[in-house]
Structure formats: structure tokens, C-alpha cells
Amino acid sequence: MHTFLDSSSLTEEQLSIQKLALDFAKQKLEPHSIEWDRKHYFPIDVVKEAANYGFGGIYASTDYGGCGLKRLDASLIFEALATGDVPITALLTVHNMCSWIIDE
């Protein structure tokens, strides 16, 4: 598993979150990424599925439907998702930023 952090410094929860995101990237993003780019296709169904995993409100508070995770957790998720599709990951990072701003 690729990570910029020494995985021995991560908690079991962080490793689990990272694995969830890596699995999602490998199964739902990577197999289609090139085709989406070629066809200029936006996979709204996959984005909605990512949101169902909590990837749409990672560090927004649970009071507003977010996951209430830390920025490090978000970094692990975004890094993992980017292994499958960078544009979808970029969209999710911006969405998370906006969710956090509204939350604040």
C-alpha cells in the first residue's frame, strides 16, 4: 500500500479508513478513469456512492451530517482516492472544503 506517511504511526481506525478509500478507488474509480476522461463524462452515480461512504463530508461535524474526522484522515482518504481518479478526488476535496466552510 502506497502512502507518504509511515503507516506505523497511524491508528487502526486511520488504517481502516485508508483501506476503505483505496478499495473504493481500485474498484469504482480506476477501472473507468481513462474512459471518463476520453469521453468527458462526469460519473454522478459514482460521486453519490462516494458520498454514501462519507467522502463528501469528511471533516464536517457530525451535527451537520459529516463524519467529524481530522484533516489527517482526509489526507489519507484523498491520497487513496487519487490513486484511482484525480479529477473525482479534486471534486471531493473542494466539496469537503465547502462543506466545512458552511459547517463553520
PDB file of N, CA and C in Angstrom:
ATOM      1  N   MET A   1       0.850  -1.166   0.000  1.00  0.00           N
ATOM      2  CA  MET A   1       0.000   0.000   0.000  1.00  0.00           C
ATOM      3  C   MET A   1       0.895   1.228   0.000  1.00  0.00           C
ATOM      4  N   HIS A   2       0.609   2.147  -0.906  1.00  0.00           N
ATOM      5  CA  HIS A   2       1.400   3.374  -1.017  1.00  0.00           C
ATOM      6  C   HIS A   2       0.870   4.436  -0.067  1.00  0.00           C
ATOM      7  N   THR A   3       1.762   5.037   0.672  1.00  0.00           N
ATOM      8  CA  THR A   3       1.399   6.187   1.494  1.00  0.00           C
ATOM      9  C   THR A   3       2.643   7.017   1.739  1.00  0.00           C
ATOM     10  N   PHE A   4       2.469   8.319   1.873  1.00  0.00           N
ATOM     11  CA  PHE A   4       3.591   9.192   2.154  1.00  0.00           C
ATOM     12  C   PHE A   4       3.945   9.169   3.629  1.00  0.00           C
ATOM     13  N   LEU A   5       3.018   8.721   4.453  1.00  0.00           N
ATOM     14  CA  LEU A   5       3.246   8.646   5.888  1.00  0.00           C
ATOM     15  C   LEU A   5       3.759   7.274   6.262  1.00  0.00           C
ATOM     16  N   ASP A   6       4.480   7.214   7.338  1.00  0.00           N
ATOM     17  CA  ASP A   6       4.887   5.935   7.890  1.00  0.00           C
ATOM     18  C   ASP A   6       3.633   5.311   8.490  1.00  0.00           C
ATOM     19  N   SER A   7       3.146   4.234   7.878  1.00  0.00           N
ATOM     20  CA  SER A   7       1.876   3.654   8.308  1.00  0.00           C
ATOM     21  C   SER A   7       1.912   3.144   9.744  1.00  0.00           C
ATOM     22  N   SER A   8       3.097   2.960  10.301  1.00  0.00           N
ATOM     23  CA  SER A   8       3.169   2.506  11.696  1.00  0.00           C
ATOM     24  C   SER A   8       2.728   3.606  12.661  1.00  0.00           C
ATOM     25  N   SER A   9       2.657   4.852  12.179  1.00  0.00           N
ATOM     26  CA  SER A   9       2.220   5.951  13.046  1.00  0.00           C
ATOM     27  C   SER A   9       0.710   6.167  12.987  1.00  0.00           C
ATOM     28  N   LEU A  10       0.019   5.402  12.152  1.00  0.00           N
ATOM     29  CA  LEU A  10      -1.423   5.555  12.008  1.00  0.00           C
ATOM     30  C   LEU A  10      -2.168   4.651  12.987  1.00  0.00           C
ATOM     31  N   THR A  11      -3.339   5.107  13.392  1.00  0.00           N
ATOM     32  CA  THR A  11      -4.178   4.289  14.272  1.00  0.00           C
ATOM     33  C   THR A  11      -4.861   3.203  13.444  1.00  0.00           C
ATOM     34  N   GLU A  12      -5.437   2.239  14.114  1.00  0.00           N
ATOM     35  CA  GLU A  12      -6.188   1.191  13.426  1.00  0.00           C
ATOM     36  C   GLU A  12      -7.357   1.793  12.648  1.00  0.00           C
ATOM     37  N   GLU A  13      -8.015   2.797  13.243  1.00  0.00           N
ATOM     38  CA  GLU A  13      -9.129   3.456  12.562  1.00  0.00           C
ATOM     39  C   GLU A  13      -8.651   4.152  11.288  1.00  0.00           C
ATOM     40  N   GLN A  14      -7.515   4.827  11.358  1.00  0.00           N
ATOM     41  CA  GLN A  14      -6.984   5.506  10.182  1.00  0.00           C
ATOM     42  C   GLN A  14      -6.601   4.505   9.089  1.00  0.00           C
ATOM     43  N   LEU A  15      -6.002   3.405   9.485  1.00  0.00           N
ATOM     44  CA  LEU A  15      -5.650   2.367   8.512  1.00  0.00           C
ATOM     45  C   LEU A  15      -6.903   1.790   7.861  1.00  0.00           C
ATOM     46  N   SER A  16      -7.953   1.628   8.639  1.00  0.00           N
ATOM     47  CA  SER A  16      -9.218   1.110   8.123  1.00  0.00           C
ATOM     48  C   SER A  16      -9.849   2.093   7.144  1.00  0.00           C
ATOM     49  N   ILE A  17      -9.836   3.372   7.499  1.00  0.00           N
ATOM     50  CA  ILE A  17     -10.370   4.418   6.625  1.00  0.00           C
ATOM     51  C   ILE A  17      -9.576   4.469   5.327  1.00  0.00           C
ATOM     52  N   GLN A  18      -8.274   4.400   5.448  1.00  0.00           N
ATOM     53  CA  GLN A  18      -7.405   4.426   4.271  1.00  0.00           C
ATOM     54  C   GLN A  18      -7.686   3.232   3.360  1.00  0.00           C
ATOM     55  N   LYS A  19      -7.853   2.069   3.954  1.00  0.00           N
ATOM     56  CA  LYS A  19      -8.140   0.861   3.164  1.00  0.00           C
ATOM     57  C   LYS A  19      -9.485   0.980   2.461  1.00  0.00           C
ATOM     58  N   LEU A  20     -10.480   1.508   3.145  1.00  0.00           N
ATOM     59  CA  LEU A  20     -11.795   1.713   2.535  1.00  0.00           C
ATOM     60  C   LEU A  20     -11.680   2.598   1.295  1.00  0.00           C
ATOM     61  N   ALA A  21     -10.950   3.694   1.429  1.00  0.00           N
ATOM     62  CA  ALA A  21     -10.772   4.615   0.301  1.00  0.00           C
ATOM     63  C   ALA A  21      -9.961   3.976  -0.822  1.00  0.00           C
ATOM     64  N   LEU A  22      -8.922   3.231  -0.486  1.00  0.00           N
ATOM     65  CA  LEU A  22      -8.127   2.542  -1.510  1.00  0.00           C
ATOM     66  C   LEU A  22      -8.964   1.513  -2.253  1.00  0.00           C
ATOM     67  N   ASP A  23      -9.773   0.763  -1.518  1.00  0.00           N
ATOM     68  CA  ASP A  23     -10.639  -0.238  -2.148  1.00  0.00           C
ATOM     69  C   ASP A  23     -11.648   0.431  -3.080  1.00  0.00           C
ATOM     70  N   PHE A  24     -12.239   1.538  -2.624  1.00  0.00           N
ATOM     71  CA  PHE A  24     -13.184   2.275  -3.453  1.00  0.00           C
ATOM     72  C   PHE A  24     -12.492   2.760  -4.730  1.00  0.00           C
ATOM     73  N   ALA A  25     -11.308   3.308  -4.577  1.00  0.00           N
ATOM     74  CA  ALA A  25     -10.553   3.806  -5.733  1.00  0.00           C
ATOM     75  C   ALA A  25     -10.260   2.685  -6.726  1.00  0.00           C
ATOM     76  N   LYS A  26      -9.845   1.555  -6.202  1.00  0.00           N
ATOM     77  CA  LYS A  26      -9.472   0.432  -7.070  1.00  0.00           C
ATOM     78  C   LYS A  26     -10.686  -0.170  -7.780  1.00  0.00           C
ATOM     79  N   GLN A  27     -11.800  -0.255  -7.078  1.00  0.00           N
ATOM     80  CA  GLN A  27     -12.981  -0.915  -7.635  1.00  0.00           C
ATOM     81  C   GLN A  27     -13.874   0.025  -8.445  1.00  0.00           C
ATOM     82  N   LYS A  28     -14.036   1.262  -7.997  1.00  0.00           N
ATOM     83  CA  LYS A  28     -15.028   2.160  -8.590  1.00  0.00           C
ATOM     84  C   LYS A  28     -14.452   3.264  -9.468  1.00  0.00           C
ATOM     85  N   LEU A  29     -13.199   3.634  -9.233  1.00  0.00           N
ATOM     86  CA  LEU A  29     -12.617   4.751  -9.971  1.00  0.00           C
ATOM     87  C   LEU A  29     -11.624   4.303 -11.040  1.00  0.00           C
ATOM     88  N   GLU A  30     -10.610   3.604 -10.626  1.00  0.00           N
ATOM     89  CA  GLU A  30      -9.514   3.250 -11.523  1.00  0.00           C
ATOM     90  C   GLU A  30      -9.961   2.538 -12.809  1.00  0.00           C
ATOM     91  N   PRO A  31     -10.875   1.562 -12.739  1.00  0.00           N
ATOM     92  CA  PRO A  31     -11.243   0.864 -13.977  1.00  0.00           C
ATOM     93  C   PRO A  31     -11.900   1.764 -15.036  1.00  0.00           C
ATOM     94  N   HIS A  32     -12.418   2.907 -14.638  1.00  0.00           N
ATOM     95  CA  HIS A  32     -13.176   3.760 -15.549  1.00  0.00           C
ATOM     96  C   HIS A  32     -12.521   5.114 -15.821  1.00  0.00           C
ATOM     97  N   SER A  33     -11.499   5.442 -15.099  1.00  0.00           N
ATOM     98  CA  SER A  33     -10.904   6.779 -15.124  1.00  0.00           C
ATOM     99  C   SER A  33     -10.516   7.243 -16.529  1.00  0.00           C
ATOM    100  N   ILE A  34      -9.818   6.433 -17.262  1.00  0.00           N
ATOM    101  CA  ILE A  34      -9.357   6.823 -18.604  1.00  0.00           C
ATOM    102  C   ILE A  34     -10.545   7.045 -19.533  1.00  0.00           C
ATOM    103  N   GLU A  35     -11.525   6.148 -19.471  1.00  0.00           N
ATOM    104  CA  GLU A  35     -12.707   6.287 -20.325  1.00  0.00           C
ATOM    105  C   GLU A  35     -13.479   7.566 -19.994  1.00  0.00           C
ATOM    106  N   TRP A  36     -13.633   7.867 -18.701  1.00  0.00           N
ATOM    107  CA  TRP A  36     -14.328   9.099 -18.315  1.00  0.00           C
ATOM    108  C   TRP A  36     -13.621  10.317 -18.897  1.00  0.00           C
ATOM    109  N   ASP A  37     -12.300  10.317 -18.819  1.00  0.00           N
ATOM    110  CA  ASP A  37     -11.540  11.444 -19.367  1.00  0.00           C
ATOM    111  C   ASP A  37     -11.718  11.556 -20.881  1.00  0.00           C
ATOM    112  N   ARG A  38     -11.599  10.434 -21.553  1.00  0.00           N
ATOM    113  CA  ARG A  38     -11.724  10.436 -23.020  1.00  0.00           C
ATOM    114  C   ARG A  38     -13.092  10.937 -23.473  1.00  0.00           C
ATOM    115  N   LYS A  39     -14.125  10.511 -22.759  1.00  0.00           N
ATOM    116  CA  LYS A  39     -15.495  10.844 -23.158  1.00  0.00           C
ATOM    117  C   LYS A  39     -16.010  12.125 -22.498  1.00  0.00           C
ATOM    118  N   HIS A  40     -15.173  12.758 -21.670  1.00  0.00           N
ATOM    119  CA  HIS A  40     -15.599  13.955 -20.930  1.00  0.00           C
ATOM    120  C   HIS A  40     -16.878  13.658 -20.143  1.00  0.00           C
ATOM    121  N   TYR A  41     -16.882  12.502 -19.504  1.00  0.00           N
ATOM    122  CA  TYR A  41     -18.056  12.012 -18.772  1.00  0.00           C
ATOM    123  C   TYR A  41     -17.896  12.290 -17.276  1.00  0.00           C
ATOM    124  N   PHE A  42     -18.956  12.788 -16.659  1.00  0.00           N
ATOM    125  CA  PHE A  42     -18.965  13.020 -15.215  1.00  0.00           C
ATOM    126  C   PHE A  42     -19.831  11.947 -14.559  1.00  0.00           C
ATOM    127  N   PRO A  43     -19.229  11.045 -13.789  1.00  0.00           N
ATOM    128  CA  PRO A  43     -19.950   9.906 -13.211  1.00  0.00           C
ATOM    129  C   PRO A  43     -20.683  10.270 -11.912  1.00  0.00           C
ATOM    130  N   ILE A  44     -21.794  10.957 -12.042  1.00  0.00           N
ATOM    131  CA  ILE A  44     -22.539  11.414 -10.866  1.00  0.00           C
ATOM    132  C   ILE A  44     -22.928  10.243  -9.959  1.00  0.00           C
ATOM    133  N   ASP A  45     -23.223   9.094 -10.526  1.00  0.00           N
ATOM    134  CA  ASP A  45     -23.586   7.938  -9.714  1.00  0.00           C
ATOM    135  C   ASP A  45     -22.427   7.506  -8.812  1.00  0.00           C
ATOM    136  N   VAL A  46     -21.216   7.585  -9.317  1.00  0.00           N
ATOM    137  CA  VAL A  46     -20.042   7.209  -8.532  1.00  0.00           C
ATOM    138  C   VAL A  46     -19.768   8.271  -7.463  1.00  0.00           C
ATOM    139  N   VAL A  47     -19.974   9.527  -7.786  1.00  0.00           N
ATOM    140  CA  VAL A  47     -19.795  10.597  -6.804  1.00  0.00           C
ATOM    141  C   VAL A  47     -20.808  10.422  -5.669  1.00  0.00           C
ATOM    142  N   LYS A  48     -22.040  10.096  -6.018  1.00  0.00           N
ATOM    143  CA  LYS A  48     -23.061   9.850  -4.987  1.00  0.00           C
ATOM    144  C   LYS A  48     -22.675   8.656  -4.118  1.00  0.00           C
ATOM    145  N   GLU A  49     -22.125   7.623  -4.733  1.00  0.00           N
ATOM    146  CA  GLU A  49     -21.680   6.460  -3.971  1.00  0.00           C
ATOM    147  C   GLU A  49     -20.534   6.840  -3.030  1.00  0.00           C
ATOM    148  N   ALA A  50     -19.623   7.668  -3.512  1.00  0.00           N
ATOM    149  CA  ALA A  50     -18.530   8.147  -2.650  1.00  0.00           C
ATOM    150  C   ALA A  50     -19.095   8.910  -1.458  1.00  0.00           C
ATOM    151  N   ALA A  51     -20.125   9.712  -1.698  1.00  0.00           N
ATOM    152  CA  ALA A  51     -20.776  10.457  -0.611  1.00  0.00           C
ATOM    153  C   ALA A  51     -21.402   9.497   0.396  1.00  0.00           C
ATOM    154  N   ASN A  52     -21.956   8.398  -0.083  1.00  0.00           N
ATOM    155  CA  ASN A  52     -22.538   7.398   0.825  1.00  0.00           C
ATOM    156  C   ASN A  52     -21.495   6.774   1.742  1.00  0.00           C
ATOM    157  N   TYR A  53     -20.244   6.770   1.305  1.00  0.00           N
ATOM    158  CA  TYR A  53     -19.145   6.278   2.131  1.00  0.00           C
ATOM    159  C   TYR A  53     -18.657   7.342   3.121  1.00  0.00           C
ATOM    160  N   GLY A  54     -19.190   8.548   3.008  1.00  0.00           N
ATOM    161  CA  GLY A  54     -18.785   9.636   3.881  1.00  0.00           C
ATOM    162  C   GLY A  54     -17.706  10.519   3.307  1.00  0.00           C
ATOM    163  N   PHE A  55     -17.328  10.289   2.049  1.00  0.00           N
ATOM    164  CA  PHE A  55     -16.244  11.044   1.439  1.00  0.00           C
ATOM    165  C   PHE A  55     -16.660  12.454   1.036  1.00  0.00           C
ATOM    166  N   GLY A  56     -17.917  12.823   1.257  1.00  0.00           N
ATOM    167  CA  GLY A  56     -18.388  14.149   0.913  1.00  0.00           C
ATOM    168  C   GLY A  56     -18.397  15.116   2.081  1.00  0.00           C
ATOM    169  N   GLY A  57     -18.233  14.607   3.285  1.00  0.00           N
ATOM    170  CA  GLY A  57     -18.236  15.448   4.481  1.00  0.00           C
ATOM    171  C   GLY A  57     -17.250  14.916   5.504  1.00  0.00           C
ATOM    172  N   ILE A  58     -16.043  14.728   5.082  1.00  0.00           N
ATOM    173  CA  ILE A  58     -15.038  14.050   5.910  1.00  0.00           C
ATOM    174  C   ILE A  58     -14.778  14.800   7.211  1.00  0.00           C
ATOM    175  N   TYR A  59     -14.480  16.089   7.124  1.00  0.00           N
ATOM    176  CA  TYR A  59     -14.156  16.824   8.355  1.00  0.00           C
ATOM    177  C   TYR A  59     -15.229  17.831   8.745  1.00  0.00           C
ATOM    178  N   ALA A  60     -16.397  17.729   8.128  1.00  0.00           N
ATOM    179  CA  ALA A  60     -17.553  18.488   8.623  1.00  0.00           C
ATOM    180  C   ALA A  60     -18.061  17.776   9.876  1.00  0.00           C
ATOM    181  N   SER A  61     -18.649  18.529  10.770  1.00  0.00           N
ATOM    182  CA  SER A  61     -19.076  17.935  12.043  1.00  0.00           C
ATOM    183  C   SER A  61     -20.258  16.988  11.850  1.00  0.00           C
ATOM    184  N   THR A  62     -20.370  16.073  12.754  1.00  0.00           N
ATOM    185  CA  THR A  62     -21.475  15.120  12.718  1.00  0.00           C
ATOM    186  C   THR A  62     -22.816  15.815  12.947  1.00  0.00           C
ATOM    187  N   ASP A  63     -22.811  16.994  13.576  1.00  0.00           N
ATOM    188  CA  ASP A  63     -24.039  17.762  13.777  1.00  0.00           C
ATOM    189  C   ASP A  63     -24.710  18.119  12.459  1.00  0.00           C
ATOM    190  N   TYR A  64     -23.919  18.203  11.394  1.00  0.00           N
ATOM    191  CA  TYR A  64     -24.442  18.592  10.089  1.00  0.00           C
ATOM    192  C   TYR A  64     -24.302  17.476   9.057  1.00  0.00           C
ATOM    193  N   GLY A  65     -24.218  16.241   9.522  1.00  0.00           N
ATOM    194  CA  GLY A  65     -24.173  15.102   8.615  1.00  0.00           C
ATOM    195  C   GLY A  65     -22.798  14.697   8.144  1.00  0.00           C
ATOM    196  N   GLY A  66     -21.763  15.348   8.662  1.00  0.00           N
ATOM    197  CA  GLY A  66     -20.400  14.988   8.290  1.00  0.00           C
ATOM    198  C   GLY A  66     -19.874  13.836   9.118  1.00  0.00           C
ATOM    199  N   CYS A  67     -18.649  13.468   8.858  1.00  0.00           N
ATOM    200  CA  CYS A  67     -18.009  12.368   9.581  1.00  0.00           C
ATOM    201  C   CYS A  67     -17.269  12.835  10.834  1.00  0.00           C
ATOM    202  N   GLY A  68     -16.938  14.128  10.890  1.00  0.00           N
ATOM    203  CA  GLY A  68     -16.230  14.652  12.051  1.00  0.00           C
ATOM    204  C   GLY A  68     -14.804  14.160  12.192  1.00  0.00           C
ATOM    205  N   LEU A  69     -14.188  13.793  11.066  1.00  0.00           N
ATOM    206  CA  LEU A  69     -12.816  13.303  11.112  1.00  0.00           C
ATOM    207  C   LEU A  69     -11.827  14.467  11.075  1.00  0.00           C
ATOM    208  N   LYS A  70     -10.572  14.146  11.251  1.00  0.00           N
ATOM    209  CA  LYS A  70      -9.497  15.145  11.259  1.00  0.00           C
ATOM    210  C   LYS A  70      -8.940  15.352   9.853  1.00  0.00           C
ATOM    211  N   ARG A  71      -8.153  16.416   9.704  1.00  0.00           N
ATOM    212  CA  ARG A  71      -7.531  16.718   8.403  1.00  0.00           C
ATOM    213  C   ARG A  71      -6.585  15.606   7.961  1.00  0.00           C
ATOM    214  N   LEU A  72      -5.892  14.988   8.896  1.00  0.00           N
ATOM    215  CA  LEU A  72      -5.015  13.874   8.536  1.00  0.00           C
ATOM    216  C   LEU A  72      -5.831  12.737   7.934  1.00  0.00           C
ATOM    217  N   ASP A  73      -6.996  12.459   8.508  1.00  0.00           N
ATOM    218  CA  ASP A  73      -7.864  11.417   7.973  1.00  0.00           C
ATOM    219  C   ASP A  73      -8.274  11.770   6.537  1.00  0.00           C
ATOM    220  N   ALA A  74      -8.618  13.033   6.326  1.00  0.00           N
ATOM    221  CA  ALA A  74      -8.985  13.489   4.982  1.00  0.00           C
ATOM    222  C   ALA A  74      -7.819  13.312   4.019  1.00  0.00           C
ATOM    223  N   SER A  75      -6.619  13.629   4.466  1.00  0.00           N
ATOM    224  CA  SER A  75      -5.441  13.472   3.610  1.00  0.00           C
ATOM    225  C   SER A  75      -5.244  12.014   3.207  1.00  0.00           C
ATOM    226  N   LEU A  76      -5.449  11.117   4.146  1.00  0.00           N
ATOM    227  CA  LEU A  76      -5.327   9.690   3.841  1.00  0.00           C
ATOM    228  C   LEU A  76      -6.371   9.268   2.811  1.00  0.00           C
ATOM    229  N   ILE A  77      -7.589   9.764   2.985  1.00  0.00           N
ATOM    230  CA  ILE A  77      -8.671   9.425   2.060  1.00  0.00           C
ATOM    231  C   ILE A  77      -8.397   9.999   0.680  1.00  0.00           C
ATOM    232  N   PHE A  78      -8.040  11.274   0.619  1.00  0.00           N
ATOM    233  CA  PHE A  78      -7.806  11.911  -0.683  1.00  0.00           C
ATOM    234  C   PHE A  78      -6.623  11.279  -1.411  1.00  0.00           C
ATOM    235  N   GLU A  79      -5.574  10.986  -0.690  1.00  0.00           N
ATOM    236  CA  GLU A  79      -4.417  10.339  -1.311  1.00  0.00           C
ATOM    237  C   GLU A  79      -4.818   8.988  -1.888  1.00  0.00           C
ATOM    238  N   ALA A  80      -5.601   8.227  -1.129  1.00  0.00           N
ATOM    239  CA  ALA A  80      -6.037   6.909  -1.587  1.00  0.00           C
ATOM    240  C   ALA A  80      -6.958   7.020  -2.803  1.00  0.00           C
ATOM    241  N   LEU A  81      -7.926   7.934  -2.752  1.00  0.00           N
ATOM    242  CA  LEU A  81      -8.854   8.099  -3.871  1.00  0.00           C
ATOM    243  C   LEU A  81      -8.130   8.545  -5.138  1.00  0.00           C
ATOM    244  N   ALA A  82      -7.106   9.377  -4.983  1.00  0.00           N
ATOM    245  CA  ALA A  82      -6.361   9.882  -6.138  1.00  0.00           C
ATOM    246  C   ALA A  82      -5.625   8.773  -6.884  1.00  0.00           C
ATOM    247  N   THR A  83      -5.399   7.649  -6.231  1.00  0.00           N
ATOM    248  CA  THR A  83      -4.780   6.526  -6.947  1.00  0.00           C
ATOM    249  C   THR A  83      -5.718   5.960  -8.001  1.00  0.00           C
ATOM    250  N   GLY A  84      -7.021   6.258  -7.868  1.00  0.00           N
ATOM    251  CA  GLY A  84      -7.998   5.760  -8.822  1.00  0.00           C
ATOM    252  C   GLY A  84      -8.426   6.793  -9.846  1.00  0.00           C
ATOM    253  N   ASP A  85      -8.601   8.047  -9.414  1.00  0.00           N
ATOM    254  CA  ASP A  85      -9.041   9.092 -10.341  1.00  0.00           C
ATOM    255  C   ASP A  85      -8.796  10.457  -9.700  1.00  0.00           C
ATOM    256  N   VAL A  86      -7.892  11.213 -10.265  1.00  0.00           N
ATOM    257  CA  VAL A  86      -7.544  12.520  -9.711  1.00  0.00           C
ATOM    258  C   VAL A  86      -8.679  13.531  -9.859  1.00  0.00           C
ATOM    259  N   PRO A  87      -9.353  13.626 -11.012  1.00  0.00           N
ATOM    260  CA  PRO A  87     -10.428  14.627 -11.118  1.00  0.00           C
ATOM    261  C   PRO A  87     -11.569  14.422 -10.112  1.00  0.00           C
ATOM    262  N   ILE A  88     -11.990  13.204  -9.900  1.00  0.00           N
ATOM    263  CA  ILE A  88     -13.058  12.947  -8.919  1.00  0.00           C
ATOM    264  C   ILE A  88     -12.551  13.296  -7.525  1.00  0.00           C
ATOM    265  N   THR A  89     -11.308  12.959  -7.236  1.00  0.00           N
ATOM    266  CA  THR A  89     -10.725  13.301  -5.938  1.00  0.00           C
ATOM    267  C   THR A  89     -10.680  14.813  -5.756  1.00  0.00           C
ATOM    268  N   ALA A  90     -10.301  15.537  -6.793  1.00  0.00           N
ATOM    269  CA  ALA A  90     -10.263  17.007  -6.716  1.00  0.00           C
ATOM    270  C   ALA A  90     -11.653  17.559  -6.419  1.00  0.00           C
ATOM    271  N   LEU A  91     -12.654  17.026  -7.088  1.00  0.00           N
ATOM    272  CA  LEU A  91     -14.031  17.450  -6.831  1.00  0.00           C
ATOM    273  C   LEU A  91     -14.391  17.223  -5.362  1.00  0.00           C
ATOM    274  N   LEU A  92     -14.042  16.058  -4.836  1.00  0.00           N
ATOM    275  CA  LEU A  92     -14.367  15.749  -3.438  1.00  0.00           C
ATOM    276  C   LEU A  92     -13.604  16.640  -2.459  1.00  0.00           C
ATOM    277  N   THR A  93     -12.390  17.018  -2.786  1.00  0.00           N
ATOM    278  CA  THR A  93     -11.643  17.909  -1.885  1.00  0.00           C
ATOM    279  C   THR A  93     -12.311  19.278  -1.825  1.00  0.00           C
ATOM    280  N   VAL A  94     -12.746  19.784  -2.973  1.00  0.00           N
ATOM    281  CA  VAL A  94     -13.424  21.082  -2.998  1.00  0.00           C
ATOM    282  C   VAL A  94     -14.765  20.992  -2.276  1.00  0.00           C
ATOM    283  N   HIS A  95     -15.486  19.914  -2.510  1.00  0.00           N
ATOM    284  CA  HIS A  95     -16.776  19.724  -1.840  1.00  0.00           C
ATOM    285  C   HIS A  95     -16.590  19.684  -0.316  1.00  0.00           C
ATOM    286  N   ASN A  96     -15.556  18.989   0.134  1.00  0.00           N
ATOM    287  CA  ASN A  96     -15.273  18.932   1.566  1.00  0.00           C
ATOM    288  C   ASN A  96     -14.925  20.297   2.125  1.00  0.00           C
ATOM    289  N   MET A  97     -14.142  21.070   1.375  1.00  0.00           N
ATOM    290  CA  MET A  97     -13.794  22.413   1.820  1.00  0.00           C
ATOM    291  C   MET A  97     -15.057  23.257   1.966  1.00  0.00           C
ATOM    292  N   CYS A  98     -15.940  23.195   0.976  1.00  0.00           N
ATOM    293  CA  CYS A  98     -17.189  23.971   1.027  1.00  0.00           C
ATOM    294  C   CYS A  98     -18.080  23.498   2.171  1.00  0.00           C
ATOM    295  N   SER A  99     -18.163  22.200   2.374  1.00  0.00           N
ATOM    296  CA  SER A  99     -18.958  21.654   3.482  1.00  0.00           C
ATOM    297  C   SER A  99     -18.434  22.153   4.818  1.00  0.00           C
ATOM    298  N   TRP A 100     -17.122  22.177   4.932  1.00  0.00           N
ATOM    299  CA  TRP A 100     -16.509  22.649   6.187  1.00  0.00           C
ATOM    300  C   TRP A 100     -16.789  24.135   6.404  1.00  0.00           C
ATOM    301  N   ILE A 101     -16.690  24.925   5.333  1.00  0.00           N
ATOM    302  CA  ILE A 101     -16.963  26.365   5.450  1.00  0.00           C
ATOM    303  C   ILE A 101     -18.389  26.594   5.911  1.00  0.00           C
ATOM    304  N   ILE A 102     -19.333  25.892   5.324  1.00  0.00           N
ATOM    305  CA  ILE A 102     -20.732  26.020   5.734  1.00  0.00           C
ATOM    306  C   ILE A 102     -20.902  25.564   7.179  1.00  0.00           C
ATOM    307  N   ASP A 103     -20.249  24.495   7.535  1.00  0.00           N
ATOM    308  CA  ASP A 103     -20.306  23.967   8.901  1.00  0.00           C
ATOM    309  C   ASP A 103     -19.799  25.009   9.910  1.00  0.00           C
ATOM    310  N   GLU A 104     -18.686  25.646   9.547  1.00  0.00           N
ATOM    311  CA  GLU A 104     -18.102  26.649  10.437  1.00  0.00           C
ATOM    312  C   GLU A 104     -18.986  27.865  10.550  1.00  0.00           C
TER     313      GLU A 104
END
